Amino acid sequence: MKKTIKNLKIVLKIAGKYKKVYLISLITTVIQIIIGVVLPLLTARQIVFLTDSVYKELILASLMVVGIELLNELNEFVMSLLCRKFRIGTIKNIQMKLRRRNLKNRTK
């Protein structure tokens, strides 16, 4: 766990002006985890309603599953956009720092 926290600190240090994007990306990852836990529970609830022949609750549970799946897909889309923006920006920052360092070394 200490190593993970250390790595996150290093990533935030390298991120530069993309720290906000990185933090939002972490939040969307937590949302994905929550959805990953809730969705199977609702699906199990659907099966219980189906076996008990309680169709009104089954329809309601099915609509909830569809809504959560839509939220999940939207969250994945936002997460992919954020990750792409963070990755490209961070790589650009690292490349610029390396170029500056190389220019300083050449001028010496």
PDB file of N, CA and C in Angstrom:
ATOM      1  N   MET A   1       0.820  -1.191   0.000  1.00  0.00           N
ATOM      2  CA  MET A   1       0.000   0.000   0.000  1.00  0.00           C
ATOM      3  C   MET A   1       0.865   1.257   0.000  1.00  0.00           C
ATOM      4  N   LYS A   2       1.977   1.207   0.749  1.00  0.00           N
ATOM      5  CA  LYS A   2       2.875   2.361   0.785  1.00  0.00           C
ATOM      6  C   LYS A   2       3.439   2.653  -0.602  1.00  0.00           C
ATOM      7  N   LYS A   3       3.753   1.582  -1.319  1.00  0.00           N
ATOM      8  CA  LYS A   3       4.310   1.758  -2.654  1.00  0.00           C
ATOM      9  C   LYS A   3       3.272   2.378  -3.598  1.00  0.00           C
ATOM     10  N   THR A   4       2.013   1.975  -3.458  1.00  0.00           N
ATOM     11  CA  THR A   4       0.953   2.537  -4.284  1.00  0.00           C
ATOM     12  C   THR A   4       0.802   4.026  -4.026  1.00  0.00           C
ATOM     13  N   ILE A   5       0.791   4.414  -2.767  1.00  0.00           N
ATOM     14  CA  ILE A   5       0.660   5.835  -2.424  1.00  0.00           C
ATOM     15  C   ILE A   5       1.872   6.605  -2.940  1.00  0.00           C
ATOM     16  N   LYS A   6       3.038   6.014  -2.826  1.00  0.00           N
ATOM     17  CA  LYS A   6       4.256   6.653  -3.332  1.00  0.00           C
ATOM     18  C   LYS A   6       4.162   6.852  -4.848  1.00  0.00           C
ATOM     19  N   ASN A   7       3.679   5.830  -5.552  1.00  0.00           N
ATOM     20  CA  ASN A   7       3.532   5.934  -7.007  1.00  0.00           C
ATOM     21  C   ASN A   7       2.509   6.979  -7.397  1.00  0.00           C
ATOM     22  N   LEU A   8       1.406   7.072  -6.646  1.00  0.00           N
ATOM     23  CA  LEU A   8       0.398   8.096  -6.931  1.00  0.00           C
ATOM     24  C   LEU A   8       0.976   9.489  -6.745  1.00  0.00           C
ATOM     25  N   LYS A   9       1.798   9.670  -5.716  1.00  0.00           N
ATOM     26  CA  LYS A   9       2.439  10.968  -5.494  1.00  0.00           C
ATOM     27  C   LYS A   9       3.380  11.316  -6.638  1.00  0.00           C
ATOM     28  N   ILE A  10       4.108  10.324  -7.128  1.00  0.00           N
ATOM     29  CA  ILE A  10       5.011  10.566  -8.258  1.00  0.00           C
ATOM     30  C   ILE A  10       4.220  10.959  -9.506  1.00  0.00           C
ATOM     31  N   VAL A  11       3.111  10.271  -9.740  1.00  0.00           N
ATOM     32  CA  VAL A  11       2.277  10.586 -10.898  1.00  0.00           C
ATOM     33  C   VAL A  11       1.727  12.003 -10.780  1.00  0.00           C
ATOM     34  N   LEU A  12       1.278  12.389  -9.591  1.00  0.00           N
ATOM     35  CA  LEU A  12       0.766  13.749  -9.404  1.00  0.00           C
ATOM     36  C   LEU A  12       1.869  14.786  -9.606  1.00  0.00           C
ATOM     37  N   LYS A  13       3.083  14.458  -9.226  1.00  0.00           N
ATOM     38  CA  LYS A  13       4.203  15.378  -9.415  1.00  0.00           C
ATOM     39  C   LYS A  13       4.499  15.560 -10.903  1.00  0.00           C
ATOM     40  N   ILE A  14       4.467  14.469 -11.642  1.00  0.00           N
ATOM     41  CA  ILE A  14       4.740  14.525 -13.077  1.00  0.00           C
ATOM     42  C   ILE A  14       3.582  15.183 -13.832  1.00  0.00           C
ATOM     43  N   ALA A  15       2.367  15.026 -13.331  1.00  0.00           N
ATOM     44  CA  ALA A  15       1.168  15.473 -14.043  1.00  0.00           C
ATOM     45  C   ALA A  15       1.175  16.963 -14.345  1.00  0.00           C
ATOM     46  N   GLY A  16       1.753  17.759 -13.471  1.00  0.00           N
ATOM     47  CA  GLY A  16       1.790  19.197 -13.715  1.00  0.00           C
ATOM     48  C   GLY A  16       0.403  19.801 -13.698  1.00  0.00           C
ATOM     49  N   LYS A  17       0.048  20.458 -14.800  1.00  0.00           N
ATOM     50  CA  LYS A  17      -1.251  21.135 -14.847  1.00  0.00           C
ATOM     51  C   LYS A  17      -2.421  20.179 -15.083  1.00  0.00           C
ATOM     52  N   TYR A  18      -2.143  18.889 -15.246  1.00  0.00           N
ATOM     53  CA  TYR A  18      -3.198  17.901 -15.479  1.00  0.00           C
ATOM     54  C   TYR A  18      -3.598  17.167 -14.203  1.00  0.00           C
ATOM     55  N   LYS A  19      -3.265  17.721 -13.060  1.00  0.00           N
ATOM     56  CA  LYS A  19      -3.618  17.080 -11.784  1.00  0.00           C
ATOM     57  C   LYS A  19      -5.128  16.966 -11.608  1.00  0.00           C
ATOM     58  N   LYS A  20      -5.840  17.999 -12.011  1.00  0.00           N
ATOM     59  CA  LYS A  20      -7.301  17.992 -11.873  1.00  0.00           C
ATOM     60  C   LYS A  20      -7.909  16.859 -12.709  1.00  0.00           C
ATOM     61  N   VAL A  21      -7.417  16.703 -13.910  1.00  0.00           N
ATOM     62  CA  VAL A  21      -7.906  15.637 -14.788  1.00  0.00           C
ATOM     63  C   VAL A  21      -7.625  14.276 -14.159  1.00  0.00           C
ATOM     64  N   TYR A  22      -6.440  14.139 -13.581  1.00  0.00           N
ATOM     65  CA  TYR A  22      -6.058  12.872 -12.935  1.00  0.00           C
ATOM     66  C   TYR A  22      -6.962  12.561 -11.750  1.00  0.00           C
ATOM     67  N   LEU A  23      -7.245  13.560 -10.930  1.00  0.00           N
ATOM     68  CA  LEU A  23      -8.105  13.343  -9.764  1.00  0.00           C
ATOM     69  C   LEU A  23      -9.532  12.998 -10.172  1.00  0.00           C
ATOM     70  N   ILE A  24     -10.036  13.656 -11.199  1.00  0.00           N
ATOM     71  CA  ILE A  24     -11.379  13.332 -11.697  1.00  0.00           C
ATOM     72  C   ILE A  24     -11.392  11.913 -12.252  1.00  0.00           C
ATOM     73  N   SER A  25     -10.306  11.525 -12.906  1.00  0.00           N
ATOM     74  CA  SER A  25     -10.199  10.162 -13.418  1.00  0.00           C
ATOM     75  C   SER A  25     -10.211   9.142 -12.284  1.00  0.00           C
ATOM     76  N   LEU A  26      -9.543   9.461 -11.181  1.00  0.00           N
ATOM     77  CA  LEU A  26      -9.582   8.571 -10.018  1.00  0.00           C
ATOM     78  C   LEU A  26     -11.002   8.453  -9.458  1.00  0.00           C
ATOM     79  N   ILE A  27     -11.721   9.561  -9.433  1.00  0.00           N
ATOM     80  CA  ILE A  27     -13.106   9.544  -8.940  1.00  0.00           C
ATOM     81  C   ILE A  27     -13.979   8.676  -9.842  1.00  0.00           C
ATOM     82  N   THR A  28     -13.796   8.795 -11.162  1.00  0.00           N
ATOM     83  CA  THR A  28     -14.595   7.963 -12.066  1.00  0.00           C
ATOM     84  C   THR A  28     -14.249   6.484 -11.907  1.00  0.00           C
ATOM     85  N   THR A  29     -13.006   6.197 -11.557  1.00  0.00           N
ATOM     86  CA  THR A  29     -12.624   4.808 -11.299  1.00  0.00           C
ATOM     87  C   THR A  29     -13.343   4.270 -10.066  1.00  0.00           C
ATOM     88  N   VAL A  30     -13.459   5.087  -9.035  1.00  0.00           N
ATOM     89  CA  VAL A  30     -14.186   4.677  -7.833  1.00  0.00           C
ATOM     90  C   VAL A  30     -15.661   4.449  -8.170  1.00  0.00           C
ATOM     91  N   ILE A  31     -16.223   5.300  -9.019  1.00  0.00           N
ATOM     92  CA  ILE A  31     -17.615   5.123  -9.447  1.00  0.00           C
ATOM     93  C   ILE A  31     -17.773   3.795 -10.180  1.00  0.00           C
ATOM     94  N   GLN A  32     -16.796   3.453 -11.035  1.00  0.00           N
ATOM     95  CA  GLN A  32     -16.838   2.172 -11.739  1.00  0.00           C
ATOM     96  C   GLN A  32     -16.835   1.001 -10.760  1.00  0.00           C
ATOM     97  N   ILE A  33     -16.055   1.112  -9.702  1.00  0.00           N
ATOM     98  CA  ILE A  33     -16.001   0.044  -8.700  1.00  0.00           C
ATOM     99  C   ILE A  33     -17.352  -0.099  -8.009  1.00  0.00           C
ATOM    100  N   ILE A  34     -17.944   1.020  -7.654  1.00  0.00           N
ATOM    101  CA  ILE A  34     -19.259   0.991  -6.992  1.00  0.00           C
ATOM    102  C   ILE A  34     -20.304   0.367  -7.903  1.00  0.00           C
ATOM    103  N   ILE A  35     -20.301   0.763  -9.163  1.00  0.00           N
ATOM    104  CA  ILE A  35     -21.254   0.192 -10.118  1.00  0.00           C
ATOM    105  C   ILE A  35     -21.008  -1.308 -10.274  1.00  0.00           C
ATOM    106  N   GLY A  36     -19.755  -1.705 -10.277  1.00  0.00           N
ATOM    107  CA  GLY A  36     -19.418  -3.122 -10.392  1.00  0.00           C
ATOM    108  C   GLY A  36     -19.930  -3.949  -9.224  1.00  0.00           C
ATOM    109  N   VAL A  37     -20.115  -3.314  -8.069  1.00  0.00           N
ATOM    110  CA  VAL A  37     -20.654  -4.019  -6.906  1.00  0.00           C
ATOM    111  C   VAL A  37     -22.182  -4.004  -6.921  1.00  0.00           C
ATOM    112  N   VAL A  38     -22.766  -2.874  -7.283  1.00  0.00           N
ATOM    113  CA  VAL A  38     -24.228  -2.708  -7.219  1.00  0.00           C
ATOM    114  C   VAL A  38     -24.941  -3.491  -8.319  1.00  0.00           C
ATOM    115  N   LEU A  39     -24.374  -3.519  -9.505  1.00  0.00           N
ATOM    116  CA  LEU A  39     -25.051  -4.146 -10.650  1.00  0.00           C
ATOM    117  C   LEU A  39     -25.353  -5.633 -10.441  1.00  0.00           C
ATOM    118  N   PRO A  40     -24.414  -6.442  -9.975  1.00  0.00           N
ATOM    119  CA  PRO A  40     -24.775  -7.853  -9.731  1.00  0.00           C
ATOM    120  C   PRO A  40     -25.845  -8.022  -8.656  1.00  0.00           C
ATOM    121  N   LEU A  41     -25.855  -7.134  -7.671  1.00  0.00           N
ATOM    122  CA  LEU A  41     -26.901  -7.209  -6.642  1.00  0.00           C
ATOM    123  C   LEU A  41     -28.283  -6.952  -7.233  1.00  0.00           C
ATOM    124  N   LEU A  42     -28.363  -5.956  -8.111  1.00  0.00           N
ATOM    125  CA  LEU A  42     -29.652  -5.677  -8.752  1.00  0.00           C
ATOM    126  C   LEU A  42     -30.054  -6.792  -9.703  1.00  0.00           C
ATOM    127  N   THR A  43     -29.092  -7.388 -10.367  1.00  0.00           N
ATOM    128  CA  THR A  43     -29.402  -8.498 -11.262  1.00  0.00           C
ATOM    129  C   THR A  43     -29.918  -9.700 -10.462  1.00  0.00           C
ATOM    130  N   ALA A  44     -29.319  -9.943  -9.317  1.00  0.00           N
ATOM    131  CA  ALA A  44     -29.810 -11.023  -8.446  1.00  0.00           C
ATOM    132  C   ALA A  44     -31.224 -10.718  -7.965  1.00  0.00           C
ATOM    133  N   ARG A  45     -31.479  -9.452  -7.694  1.00  0.00           N
ATOM    134  CA  ARG A  45     -32.830  -9.036  -7.278  1.00  0.00           C
ATOM    135  C   ARG A  45     -33.835  -9.299  -8.395  1.00  0.00           C
ATOM    136  N   GLN A  46     -33.428  -9.062  -9.629  1.00  0.00           N
ATOM    137  CA  GLN A  46     -34.303  -9.348 -10.766  1.00  0.00           C
ATOM    138  C   GLN A  46     -34.658 -10.832 -10.808  1.00  0.00           C
ATOM    139  N   ILE A  47     -33.681 -11.670 -10.590  1.00  0.00           N
ATOM    140  CA  ILE A  47     -33.926 -13.122 -10.625  1.00  0.00           C
ATOM    141  C   ILE A  47     -34.906 -13.528  -9.529  1.00  0.00           C
ATOM    142  N   VAL A  48     -34.769 -12.937  -8.343  1.00  0.00           N
ATOM    143  CA  VAL A  48     -35.695 -13.244  -7.241  1.00  0.00           C
ATOM    144  C   VAL A  48     -37.106 -12.807  -7.606  1.00  0.00           C
ATOM    145  N   PHE A  49     -37.234 -11.606  -8.176  1.00  0.00           N
ATOM    146  CA  PHE A  49     -38.561 -11.133  -8.569  1.00  0.00           C
ATOM    147  C   PHE A  49     -39.156 -12.003  -9.667  1.00  0.00           C
ATOM    148  N   LEU A  50     -38.325 -12.481 -10.568  1.00  0.00           N
ATOM    149  CA  LEU A  50     -38.805 -13.326 -11.656  1.00  0.00           C
ATOM    150  C   LEU A  50     -39.296 -14.671 -11.132  1.00  0.00           C
ATOM    151  N   THR A  51     -38.565 -15.260 -10.198  1.00  0.00           N
ATOM    152  CA  THR A  51     -38.980 -16.550  -9.652  1.00  0.00           C
ATOM    153  C   THR A  51     -40.202 -16.437  -8.750  1.00  0.00           C
ATOM    154  N   ASP A  52     -40.406 -15.260  -8.134  1.00  0.00           N
ATOM    155  CA  ASP A  52     -41.584 -15.052  -7.280  1.00  0.00           C
ATOM    156  C   ASP A  52     -42.795 -14.546  -8.062  1.00  0.00           C
ATOM    157  N   SER A  53     -42.628 -14.361  -9.356  1.00  0.00           N
ATOM    158  CA  SER A  53     -43.697 -13.858 -10.236  1.00  0.00           C
ATOM    159  C   SER A  53     -44.205 -12.491  -9.795  1.00  0.00           C
ATOM    160  N   VAL A  54     -43.315 -11.640  -9.371  1.00  0.00           N
ATOM    161  CA  VAL A  54     -43.657 -10.270  -8.994  1.00  0.00           C
ATOM    162  C   VAL A  54     -43.170  -9.388 -10.141  1.00  0.00           C
ATOM    163  N   TYR A  55     -44.056  -9.231 -11.141  1.00  0.00           N
ATOM    164  CA  TYR A  55     -43.627  -8.605 -12.384  1.00  0.00           C
ATOM    165  C   TYR A  55     -43.484  -7.087 -12.286  1.00  0.00           C
ATOM    166  N   LYS A  56     -44.281  -6.459 -11.450  1.00  0.00           N
ATOM    167  CA  LYS A  56     -44.172  -5.002 -11.312  1.00  0.00           C
ATOM    168  C   LYS A  56     -42.795  -4.626 -10.741  1.00  0.00           C
ATOM    169  N   GLU A  57     -42.361  -5.320  -9.703  1.00  0.00           N
ATOM    170  CA  GLU A  57     -41.047  -5.065  -9.127  1.00  0.00           C
ATOM    171  C   GLU A  57     -39.933  -5.485 -10.081  1.00  0.00           C
ATOM    172  N   LEU A  58     -40.191  -6.531 -10.873  1.00  0.00           N
ATOM    173  CA  LEU A  58     -39.220  -6.986 -11.868  1.00  0.00           C
ATOM    174  C   LEU A  58     -38.969  -5.900 -12.907  1.00  0.00           C
ATOM    175  N   ILE A  59     -40.034  -5.285 -13.371  1.00  0.00           N
ATOM    176  CA  ILE A  59     -39.893  -4.204 -14.351  1.00  0.00           C
ATOM    177  C   ILE A  59     -39.138  -3.028 -13.734  1.00  0.00           C
ATOM    178  N   LEU A  60     -39.462  -2.684 -12.500  1.00  0.00           N
ATOM    179  CA  LEU A  60     -38.773  -1.588 -11.820  1.00  0.00           C
ATOM    180  C   LEU A  60     -37.288  -1.903 -11.639  1.00  0.00           C
ATOM    181  N   ALA A  61     -36.982  -3.128 -11.232  1.00  0.00           N
ATOM    182  CA  ALA A  61     -35.583  -3.529 -11.068  1.00  0.00           C
ATOM    183  C   ALA A  61     -34.865  -3.539 -12.418  1.00  0.00           C
ATOM    184  N   SER A  62     -35.554  -3.952 -13.469  1.00  0.00           N
ATOM    185  CA  SER A  62     -34.957  -3.955 -14.802  1.00  0.00           C
ATOM    186  C   SER A  62     -34.658  -2.544 -15.278  1.00  0.00           C
ATOM    187  N   LEU A  63     -35.566  -1.621 -15.013  1.00  0.00           N
ATOM    188  CA  LEU A  63     -35.325  -0.224 -15.367  1.00  0.00           C
ATOM    189  C   LEU A  63     -34.141   0.347 -14.583  1.00  0.00           C
ATOM    190  N   MET A  64     -34.011  -0.058 -13.331  1.00  0.00           N
ATOM    191  CA  MET A  64     -32.871   0.390 -12.531  1.00  0.00           C
ATOM    192  C   MET A  64     -31.568  -0.149 -13.111  1.00  0.00           C
ATOM    193  N   VAL A  65     -31.574  -1.396 -13.539  1.00  0.00           N
ATOM    194  CA  VAL A  65     -30.374  -1.985 -14.142  1.00  0.00           C
ATOM    195  C   VAL A  65     -30.017  -1.257 -15.434  1.00  0.00           C
ATOM    196  N   VAL A  66     -31.024  -0.975 -16.250  1.00  0.00           N
ATOM    197  CA  VAL A  66     -30.766  -0.248 -17.499  1.00  0.00           C
ATOM    198  C   VAL A  66     -30.205   1.140 -17.191  1.00  0.00           C
ATOM    199  N   GLY A  67     -30.773   1.824 -16.203  1.00  0.00           N
ATOM    200  CA  GLY A  67     -30.272   3.139 -15.817  1.00  0.00           C
ATOM    201  C   GLY A  67     -28.840   3.091 -15.324  1.00  0.00           C
ATOM    202  N   ILE A  68     -28.529   2.105 -14.519  1.00  0.00           N
ATOM    203  CA  ILE A  68     -27.157   1.974 -14.008  1.00  0.00           C
ATOM    204  C   ILE A  68     -26.203   1.611 -15.138  1.00  0.00           C
ATOM    205  N   GLU A  69     -26.631   0.789 -16.066  1.00  0.00           N
ATOM    206  CA  GLU A  69     -25.790   0.461 -17.218  1.00  0.00           C
ATOM    207  C   GLU A  69     -25.526   1.704 -18.070  1.00  0.00           C
ATOM    208  N   LEU A  70     -26.545   2.542 -18.255  1.00  0.00           N
ATOM    209  CA  LEU A  70     -26.331   3.792 -18.989  1.00  0.00           C
ATOM    210  C   LEU A  70     -25.335   4.688 -18.258  1.00  0.00           C
ATOM    211  N   LEU A  71     -25.482   4.778 -16.951  1.00  0.00           N
ATOM    212  CA  LEU A  71     -24.538   5.551 -16.141  1.00  0.00           C
ATOM    213  C   LEU A  71     -23.139   4.968 -16.258  1.00  0.00           C
ATOM    214  N   ASN A  72     -23.049   3.666 -16.273  1.00  0.00           N
ATOM    215  CA  ASN A  72     -21.771   2.985 -16.407  1.00  0.00           C
ATOM    216  C   ASN A  72     -21.111   3.314 -17.746  1.00  0.00           C
ATOM    217  N   GLU A  73     -21.873   3.258 -18.813  1.00  0.00           N
ATOM    218  CA  GLU A  73     -21.326   3.553 -20.145  1.00  0.00           C
ATOM    219  C   GLU A  73     -20.896   5.014 -20.243  1.00  0.00           C
ATOM    220  N   LEU A  74     -21.700   5.917 -19.713  1.00  0.00           N
ATOM    221  CA  LEU A  74     -21.334   7.328 -19.717  1.00  0.00           C
ATOM    222  C   LEU A  74     -20.065   7.559 -18.903  1.00  0.00           C
ATOM    223  N   ASN A  75     -19.974   6.909 -17.767  1.00  0.00           N
ATOM    224  CA  ASN A  75     -18.793   7.029 -16.912  1.00  0.00           C
ATOM    225  C   ASN A  75     -17.553   6.501 -17.632  1.00  0.00           C
ATOM    226  N   GLU A  76     -17.672   5.373 -18.328  1.00  0.00           N
ATOM    227  CA  GLU A  76     -16.535   4.829 -19.076  1.00  0.00           C
ATOM    228  C   GLU A  76     -16.101   5.777 -20.189  1.00  0.00           C
ATOM    229  N   PHE A  77     -17.067   6.404 -20.857  1.00  0.00           N
ATOM    230  CA  PHE A  77     -16.738   7.352 -21.919  1.00  0.00           C
ATOM    231  C   PHE A  77     -15.979   8.551 -21.358  1.00  0.00           C
ATOM    232  N   VAL A  78     -16.488   9.110 -20.268  1.00  0.00           N
ATOM    233  CA  VAL A  78     -15.816  10.251 -19.634  1.00  0.00           C
ATOM    234  C   VAL A  78     -14.429   9.844 -19.155  1.00  0.00           C
ATOM    235  N   MET A  79     -14.328   8.663 -18.572  1.00  0.00           N
ATOM    236  CA  MET A  79     -13.041   8.185 -18.075  1.00  0.00           C
ATOM    237  C   MET A  79     -12.041   8.016 -19.220  1.00  0.00           C
ATOM    238  N   SER A  80     -12.488   7.507 -20.355  1.00  0.00           N
ATOM    239  CA  SER A  80     -11.567   7.340 -21.485  1.00  0.00           C
ATOM    240  C   SER A  80     -11.093   8.688 -22.007  1.00  0.00           C
ATOM    241  N   LEU A  81     -11.992   9.665 -22.068  1.00  0.00           N
ATOM    242  CA  LEU A  81     -11.589  11.005 -22.496  1.00  0.00           C
ATOM    243  C   LEU A  81     -10.581  11.619 -21.531  1.00  0.00           C
ATOM    244  N   LEU A  82     -10.854  11.496 -20.253  1.00  0.00           N
ATOM    245  CA  LEU A  82      -9.951  12.050 -19.247  1.00  0.00           C
ATOM    246  C   LEU A  82      -8.593  11.362 -19.268  1.00  0.00           C
ATOM    247  N   CYS A  83      -8.598  10.053 -19.382  1.00  0.00           N
ATOM    248  CA  CYS A  83      -7.329   9.321 -19.408  1.00  0.00           C
ATOM    249  C   CYS A  83      -6.511   9.695 -20.638  1.00  0.00           C
ATOM    250  N   ARG A  84      -7.174   9.842 -21.761  1.00  0.00           N
ATOM    251  CA  ARG A  84      -6.469  10.231 -22.978  1.00  0.00           C
ATOM    252  C   ARG A  84      -5.864  11.625 -22.825  1.00  0.00           C
ATOM    253  N   LYS A  85      -6.645  12.556 -22.301  1.00  0.00           N
ATOM    254  CA  LYS A  85      -6.162  13.918 -22.101  1.00  0.00           C
ATOM    255  C   LYS A  85      -4.988  13.927 -21.117  1.00  0.00           C
ATOM    256  N   PHE A  86      -5.114  13.182 -20.037  1.00  0.00           N
ATOM    257  CA  PHE A  86      -4.045  13.121 -19.039  1.00  0.00           C
ATOM    258  C   PHE A  86      -2.788  12.501 -19.625  1.00  0.00           C
ATOM    259  N   ARG A  87      -2.944  11.406 -20.340  1.00  0.00           N
ATOM    260  CA  ARG A  87      -1.793  10.692 -20.906  1.00  0.00           C
ATOM    261  C   ARG A  87      -1.052  11.561 -21.909  1.00  0.00           C
ATOM    262  N   ILE A  88      -1.788  12.177 -22.831  1.00  0.00           N
ATOM    263  CA  ILE A  88      -1.154  13.013 -23.852  1.00  0.00           C
ATOM    264  C   ILE A  88      -0.486  14.224 -23.210  1.00  0.00           C
ATOM    265  N   GLY A  89      -1.177  14.869 -22.267  1.00  0.00           N
ATOM    266  CA  GLY A  89      -0.603  16.041 -21.611  1.00  0.00           C
ATOM    267  C   GLY A  89       0.628  15.708 -20.792  1.00  0.00           C
ATOM    268  N   THR A  90       0.589  14.590 -20.094  1.00  0.00           N
ATOM    269  CA  THR A  90       1.727  14.198 -19.272  1.00  0.00           C
ATOM    270  C   THR A  90       2.926  13.834 -20.145  1.00  0.00           C
ATOM    271  N   ILE A  91       2.686  13.116 -21.214  1.00  0.00           N
ATOM    272  CA  ILE A  91       3.782  12.761 -22.132  1.00  0.00           C
ATOM    273  C   ILE A  91       4.383  14.025 -22.726  1.00  0.00           C
ATOM    274  N   LYS A  92       3.523  14.972 -23.084  1.00  0.00           N
ATOM    275  CA  LYS A  92       4.021  16.239 -23.634  1.00  0.00           C
ATOM    276  C   LYS A  92       4.875  16.975 -22.605  1.00  0.00           C
ATOM    277  N   ASN A  93       4.420  16.994 -21.345  1.00  0.00           N
ATOM    278  CA  ASN A  93       5.197  17.650 -20.291  1.00  0.00           C
ATOM    279  C   ASN A  93       6.554  16.980 -20.093  1.00  0.00           C
ATOM    280  N   ILE A  94       6.576  15.668 -20.081  1.00  0.00           N
ATOM    281  CA  ILE A  94       7.839  14.936 -19.900  1.00  0.00           C
ATOM    282  C   ILE A  94       8.778  15.209 -21.074  1.00  0.00           C
ATOM    283  N   GLN A  95       8.230  15.205 -22.289  1.00  0.00           N
ATOM    284  CA  GLN A  95       9.065  15.471 -23.459  1.00  0.00           C
ATOM    285  C   GLN A  95       9.651  16.877 -23.431  1.00  0.00           C
ATOM    286  N   MET A  96       8.847  17.847 -23.013  1.00  0.00           N
ATOM    287  CA  MET A  96       9.345  19.225 -22.938  1.00  0.00           C
ATOM    288  C   MET A  96      10.446  19.348 -21.885  1.00  0.00           C
ATOM    289  N   LYS A  97      10.272  18.701 -20.750  1.00  0.00           N
ATOM    290  CA  LYS A  97      11.315  18.746 -19.721  1.00  0.00           C
ATOM    291  C   LYS A  97      12.597  18.098 -20.210  1.00  0.00           C
ATOM    292  N   LEU A  98      12.477  16.985 -20.931  1.00  0.00           N
ATOM    293  CA  LEU A  98      13.657  16.326 -21.481  1.00  0.00           C
ATOM    294  C   LEU A  98      14.341  17.190 -22.534  1.00  0.00           C
ATOM    295  N   ARG A  99      13.569  17.854 -23.371  1.00  0.00           N
ATOM    296  CA  ARG A  99      14.155  18.745 -24.384  1.00  0.00           C
ATOM    297  C   ARG A  99      14.908  19.886 -23.730  1.00  0.00           C
ATOM    298  N   ARG A 100      14.299  20.485 -22.703  1.00  0.00           N
ATOM    299  CA  ARG A 100      14.983  21.586 -21.997  1.00  0.00           C
ATOM    300  C   ARG A 100      16.284  21.094 -21.366  1.00  0.00           C
ATOM    301  N   ARG A 101      16.231  19.924 -20.760  1.00  0.00           N
ATOM    302  CA  ARG A 101      17.432  19.381 -20.130  1.00  0.00           C
ATOM    303  C   ARG A 101      18.515  19.090 -21.166  1.00  0.00           C
ATOM    304  N   ASN A 102      18.112  18.551 -22.317  1.00  0.00           N
ATOM    305  CA  ASN A 102      19.077  18.279 -23.389  1.00  0.00           C
ATOM    306  C   ASN A 102      19.686  19.568 -23.927  1.00  0.00           C
ATOM    307  N   LEU A 103      18.872  20.607 -24.063  1.00  0.00           N
ATOM    308  CA  LEU A 103      19.403  21.885 -24.534  1.00  0.00           C
ATOM    309  C   LEU A 103      20.385  22.487 -23.530  1.00  0.00           C
ATOM    310  N   LYS A 104      20.087  22.358 -22.252  1.00  0.00           N
ATOM    311  CA  LYS A 104      20.998  22.854 -21.215  1.00  0.00           C
ATOM    312  C   LYS A 104      22.303  22.089 -21.267  1.00  0.00           C
ATOM    313  N   ASN A 105      22.233  20.775 -21.468  1.00  0.00           N
ATOM    314  CA  ASN A 105      23.455  19.959 -21.531  1.00  0.00           C
ATOM    315  C   ASN A 105      24.290  20.291 -22.764  1.00  0.00           C
ATOM    316  N   ARG A 106      23.634  20.592 -23.873  1.00  0.00           N
ATOM    317  CA  ARG A 106      24.356  20.919 -25.096  1.00  0.00           C
ATOM    318  C   ARG A 106      25.030  22.290 -25.026  1.00  0.00           C
ATOM    319  N   THR A 107      24.385  23.208 -24.340  1.00  0.00           N
ATOM    320  CA  THR A 107      24.950  24.551 -24.238  1.00  0.00           C
ATOM    321  C   THR A 107      26.094  24.634 -23.260  1.00  0.00           C
ATOM    322  N   LYS A 108      26.279  23.664 -22.411  1.00  0.00           N
ATOM    323  CA  LYS A 108      27.374  23.672 -21.423  1.00  0.00           C
ATOM    324  C   LYS A 108      28.691  23.372 -22.028  1.00  0.00           C
TER     325      LYS A 108
END
